[in-house]
C-alpha atoms as a PDB file:
ATOM      1  CA  MET A   1       0.000   0.000   0.000  1.00  0.00           C
ATOM      2  CA  PRO A   2       1.431   3.399  -0.929  1.00  0.00           C
ATOM      3  CA  ASP A   3       2.329   5.908   1.773  1.00  0.00           C
ATOM      4  CA  ILE A   4       0.716   8.744  -0.168  1.00  0.00           C
ATOM      5  CA  SER A   5      -2.449   8.524  -2.204  1.00  0.00           C
ATOM      6  CA  ARG A   6      -3.254  10.148  -5.506  1.00  0.00           C
ATOM      7  CA  ASP A   7      -5.910  12.237  -3.700  1.00  0.00           C
ATOM      8  CA  GLU A   8      -3.298  13.498  -1.231  1.00  0.00           C
ATOM      9  CA  VAL A   9      -1.051  14.488  -4.138  1.00  0.00           C
ATOM     10  CA  ALA A  10      -3.979  16.327  -5.726  1.00  0.00           C
ATOM     11  CA  HIS A  11      -4.617  18.090  -2.402  1.00  0.00           C
ATOM     12  CA  LEU A  12      -0.951  19.104  -2.127  1.00  0.00           C
ATOM     13  CA  ALA A  13      -1.055  20.352  -5.718  1.00  0.00           C
ATOM     14  CA  ARG A  14      -4.111  22.495  -4.938  1.00  0.00           C
ATOM     15  CA  LEU A  15      -2.418  23.918  -1.827  1.00  0.00           C
ATOM     16  CA  SER A  16       0.647  24.695  -3.934  1.00  0.00           C
ATOM     17  CA  ARG A  17      -1.534  26.187  -6.658  1.00  0.00           C
ATOM     18  CA  LEU A  18      -0.203  23.732  -9.213  1.00  0.00           C
ATOM     19  CA  ALA A  19      -2.406  22.642 -12.069  1.00  0.00           C
ATOM     20  CA  LEU A  20      -1.529  18.992 -12.618  1.00  0.00           C
ATOM     21  CA  SER A  21      -2.990  16.722 -15.251  1.00  0.00           C
ATOM     22  CA  GLU A  22      -4.307  13.260 -14.410  1.00  0.00           C
ATOM     23  CA  ALA A  23      -1.123  11.703 -15.783  1.00  0.00           C
ATOM     24  CA  GLU A  24       1.055  14.049 -13.708  1.00  0.00           C
ATOM     25  CA  LEU A  25      -0.920  13.186 -10.557  1.00  0.00           C
ATOM     26  CA  ASP A  26      -0.270   9.498 -11.156  1.00  0.00           C
ATOM     27  CA  GLU A  27       3.409  10.112 -11.907  1.00  0.00           C
ATOM     28  CA  PHE A  28       3.997  12.356  -8.886  1.00  0.00           C
ATOM     29  CA  ALA A  29       2.100  10.001  -6.577  1.00  0.00           C
ATOM     30  CA  GLY A  30       4.555   7.247  -7.492  1.00  0.00           C
ATOM     31  CA  GLN A  31       7.568   9.524  -7.143  1.00  0.00           C
ATOM     32  CA  LEU A  32       6.474  10.919  -3.778  1.00  0.00           C
ATOM     33  CA  ASP A  33       5.711   7.408  -2.531  1.00  0.00           C
ATOM     34  CA  SER A  34       9.237   6.350  -3.491  1.00  0.00           C
ATOM     35  CA  ILE A  35      10.696   9.360  -1.673  1.00  0.00           C
ATOM     36  CA  LEU A  36       8.679   8.578   1.458  1.00  0.00           C
ATOM     37  CA  HIS A  37       9.836   4.938   1.376  1.00  0.00           C
ATOM     38  CA  HIS A  38      13.472   6.075   1.169  1.00  0.00           C
ATOM     39  CA  VAL A  39      13.027   8.536   4.043  1.00  0.00           C
ATOM     40  CA  LYS A  40      11.410   5.792   6.126  1.00  0.00           C
ATOM     41  CA  ALA A  41      14.333   3.456   5.378  1.00  0.00           C
ATOM     42  CA  VAL A  42      16.868   6.084   6.434  1.00  0.00           C
ATOM     43  CA  ALA A  43      14.910   6.799   9.623  1.00  0.00           C
ATOM     44  CA  GLU A  44      14.977   3.082  10.506  1.00  0.00           C
ATOM     45  CA  VAL A  45      18.765   2.924  10.095  1.00  0.00           C
ATOM     46  CA  ALA A  46      19.497   5.908  12.312  1.00  0.00           C
ATOM     47  CA  ALA A  47      20.691   4.771  15.733  1.00  0.00           C
ATOM     48  CA  ASP A  48      20.203   6.553  19.039  1.00  0.00           C
ATOM     49  CA  ASP A  49      23.927   6.373  19.844  1.00  0.00           C
ATOM     50  CA  VAL A  50      24.948   8.194  16.637  1.00  0.00           C
ATOM     51  CA  PRO A  51      25.030  11.974  17.123  1.00  0.00           C
ATOM     52  CA  PRO A  52      23.372  14.068  14.414  1.00  0.00           C
ATOM     53  CA  THR A  53      25.917  15.622  12.057  1.00  0.00           C
ATOM     54  CA  ALA A  54      25.789  17.904   9.066  1.00  0.00           C
ATOM     55  CA  ASN A  55      29.147  16.659   7.765  1.00  0.00           C
ATOM     56  CA  PRO A  56      30.970  13.411   8.562  1.00  0.00           C
ATOM     57  CA  SER A  57      34.335  15.197   8.620  1.00  0.00           C
ATOM     58  CA  ALA A  58      35.364  17.667  11.273  1.00  0.00           C
ATOM     59  CA  ILE A  59      35.327  21.121   9.742  1.00  0.00           C
ATOM     60  CA  THR A  60      37.511  23.960  10.929  1.00  0.00           C
ATOM     61  CA  ASN A  61      37.565  27.552   9.837  1.00  0.00           C
ATOM     62  CA  VAL A  62      40.089  27.800   7.025  1.00  0.00           C
ATOM     63  CA  THR A  63      39.756  31.506   6.305  1.00  0.00           C
ATOM     64  CA  ARG A  64      42.651  33.806   6.841  1.00  0.00           C
ATOM     65  CA  PRO A  65      42.562  36.504   9.513  1.00  0.00           C
ATOM     66  CA  ASP A  66      41.471  39.970   8.440  1.00  0.00           C
ATOM     67  CA  VAL A  67      44.526  42.119   7.897  1.00  0.00           C
ATOM     68  CA  ILE A  68      44.269  45.708   6.724  1.00  0.00           C
ATOM     69  CA  VAL A  69      46.427  46.279   3.659  1.00  0.00           C
ATOM     70  CA  PRO A  70      46.564  49.275   1.368  1.00  0.00           C
ATOM     71  CA  GLY A  71      44.260  49.078  -1.629  1.00  0.00           C
ATOM     72  CA  LEU A  72      44.950  49.920  -5.235  1.00  0.00           C
ATOM     73  CA  THR A  73      45.072  53.480  -6.414  1.00  0.00           C
ATOM     74  CA  PRO A  74      42.583  54.379  -9.166  1.00  0.00           C
ATOM     75  CA  GLN A  75      45.444  54.421 -11.670  1.00  0.00           C
ATOM     76  CA  GLN A  76      46.570  50.915 -10.649  1.00  0.00           C
ATOM     77  CA  ALA A  77      43.014  49.565 -10.755  1.00  0.00           C
ATOM     78  CA  LEU A  78      42.382  51.053 -14.203  1.00  0.00           C
ATOM     79  CA  SER A  79      45.791  50.193 -15.664  1.00  0.00           C
ATOM     80  CA  GLY A  80      44.457  47.146 -17.529  1.00  0.00           C
ATOM     81  CA  ALA A  81      41.090  48.627 -18.467  1.00  0.00           C
ATOM     82  CA  PRO A  82      40.453  48.998 -22.210  1.00  0.00           C
ATOM     83  CA  ASN A  83      38.751  52.332 -21.591  1.00  0.00           C
ATOM     84  CA  ALA A  84      38.536  54.671 -18.574  1.00  0.00           C
ATOM     85  CA  GLU A  85      37.046  58.097 -17.874  1.00  0.00           C
ATOM     86  CA  ASP A  86      37.302  60.237 -14.718  1.00  0.00           C
ATOM     87  CA  ASP A  87      38.940  57.426 -12.686  1.00  0.00           C
ATOM     88  CA  ARG A  88      36.144  54.998 -13.643  1.00  0.00           C
ATOM     89  CA  PHE A  89      35.770  52.070 -15.999  1.00  0.00           C
ATOM     90  CA  ALA A  90      34.130  53.208 -19.235  1.00  0.00           C
ATOM     91  CA  VAL A  91      31.687  50.728 -20.726  1.00  0.00           C
ATOM     92  CA  PRO A  92      29.354  50.899 -23.719  1.00  0.00           C
ATOM     93  CA  GLN A  93      25.997  52.469 -22.984  1.00  0.00           C
ATOM     94  CA  ILE A  94      23.150  49.951 -22.950  1.00  0.00           C
ATOM     95  CA  LEU A  95      20.260  52.185 -21.925  1.00  0.00           C
ATOM     96  CA  GLY A  96      18.894  55.220 -23.719  1.00  0.00           C
ATOM     97  CA  GLU A  97      20.379  58.697 -23.293  1.00  0.00           C
ATOM     98  CA  SER A  98      17.623  59.886 -20.934  1.00  0.00           C
ATOM     99  CA  GLU A  99      17.877  56.884 -18.596  1.00  0.00           C
END
């Protein structure tokens, strides 16, 4: 017996404001039933002595410390730019003149 019925899928579709055809209801009922069976199988395997984890490996912060360093001058930042105006990158206009 399936864990989720076709009528329950239709109800979920209505709540989600999804217009599903009869064929889609049948297809999704089977897919959702399969998902629920897999979730049930995983829940049965989980043991009480195993702590919940988000990652099986210990994760440590690998970012570097924040160190203040001088930034680029406008001339250095624009040195490789194909076109610059008034210490800014110049790019082709994509909107109209008035915008």
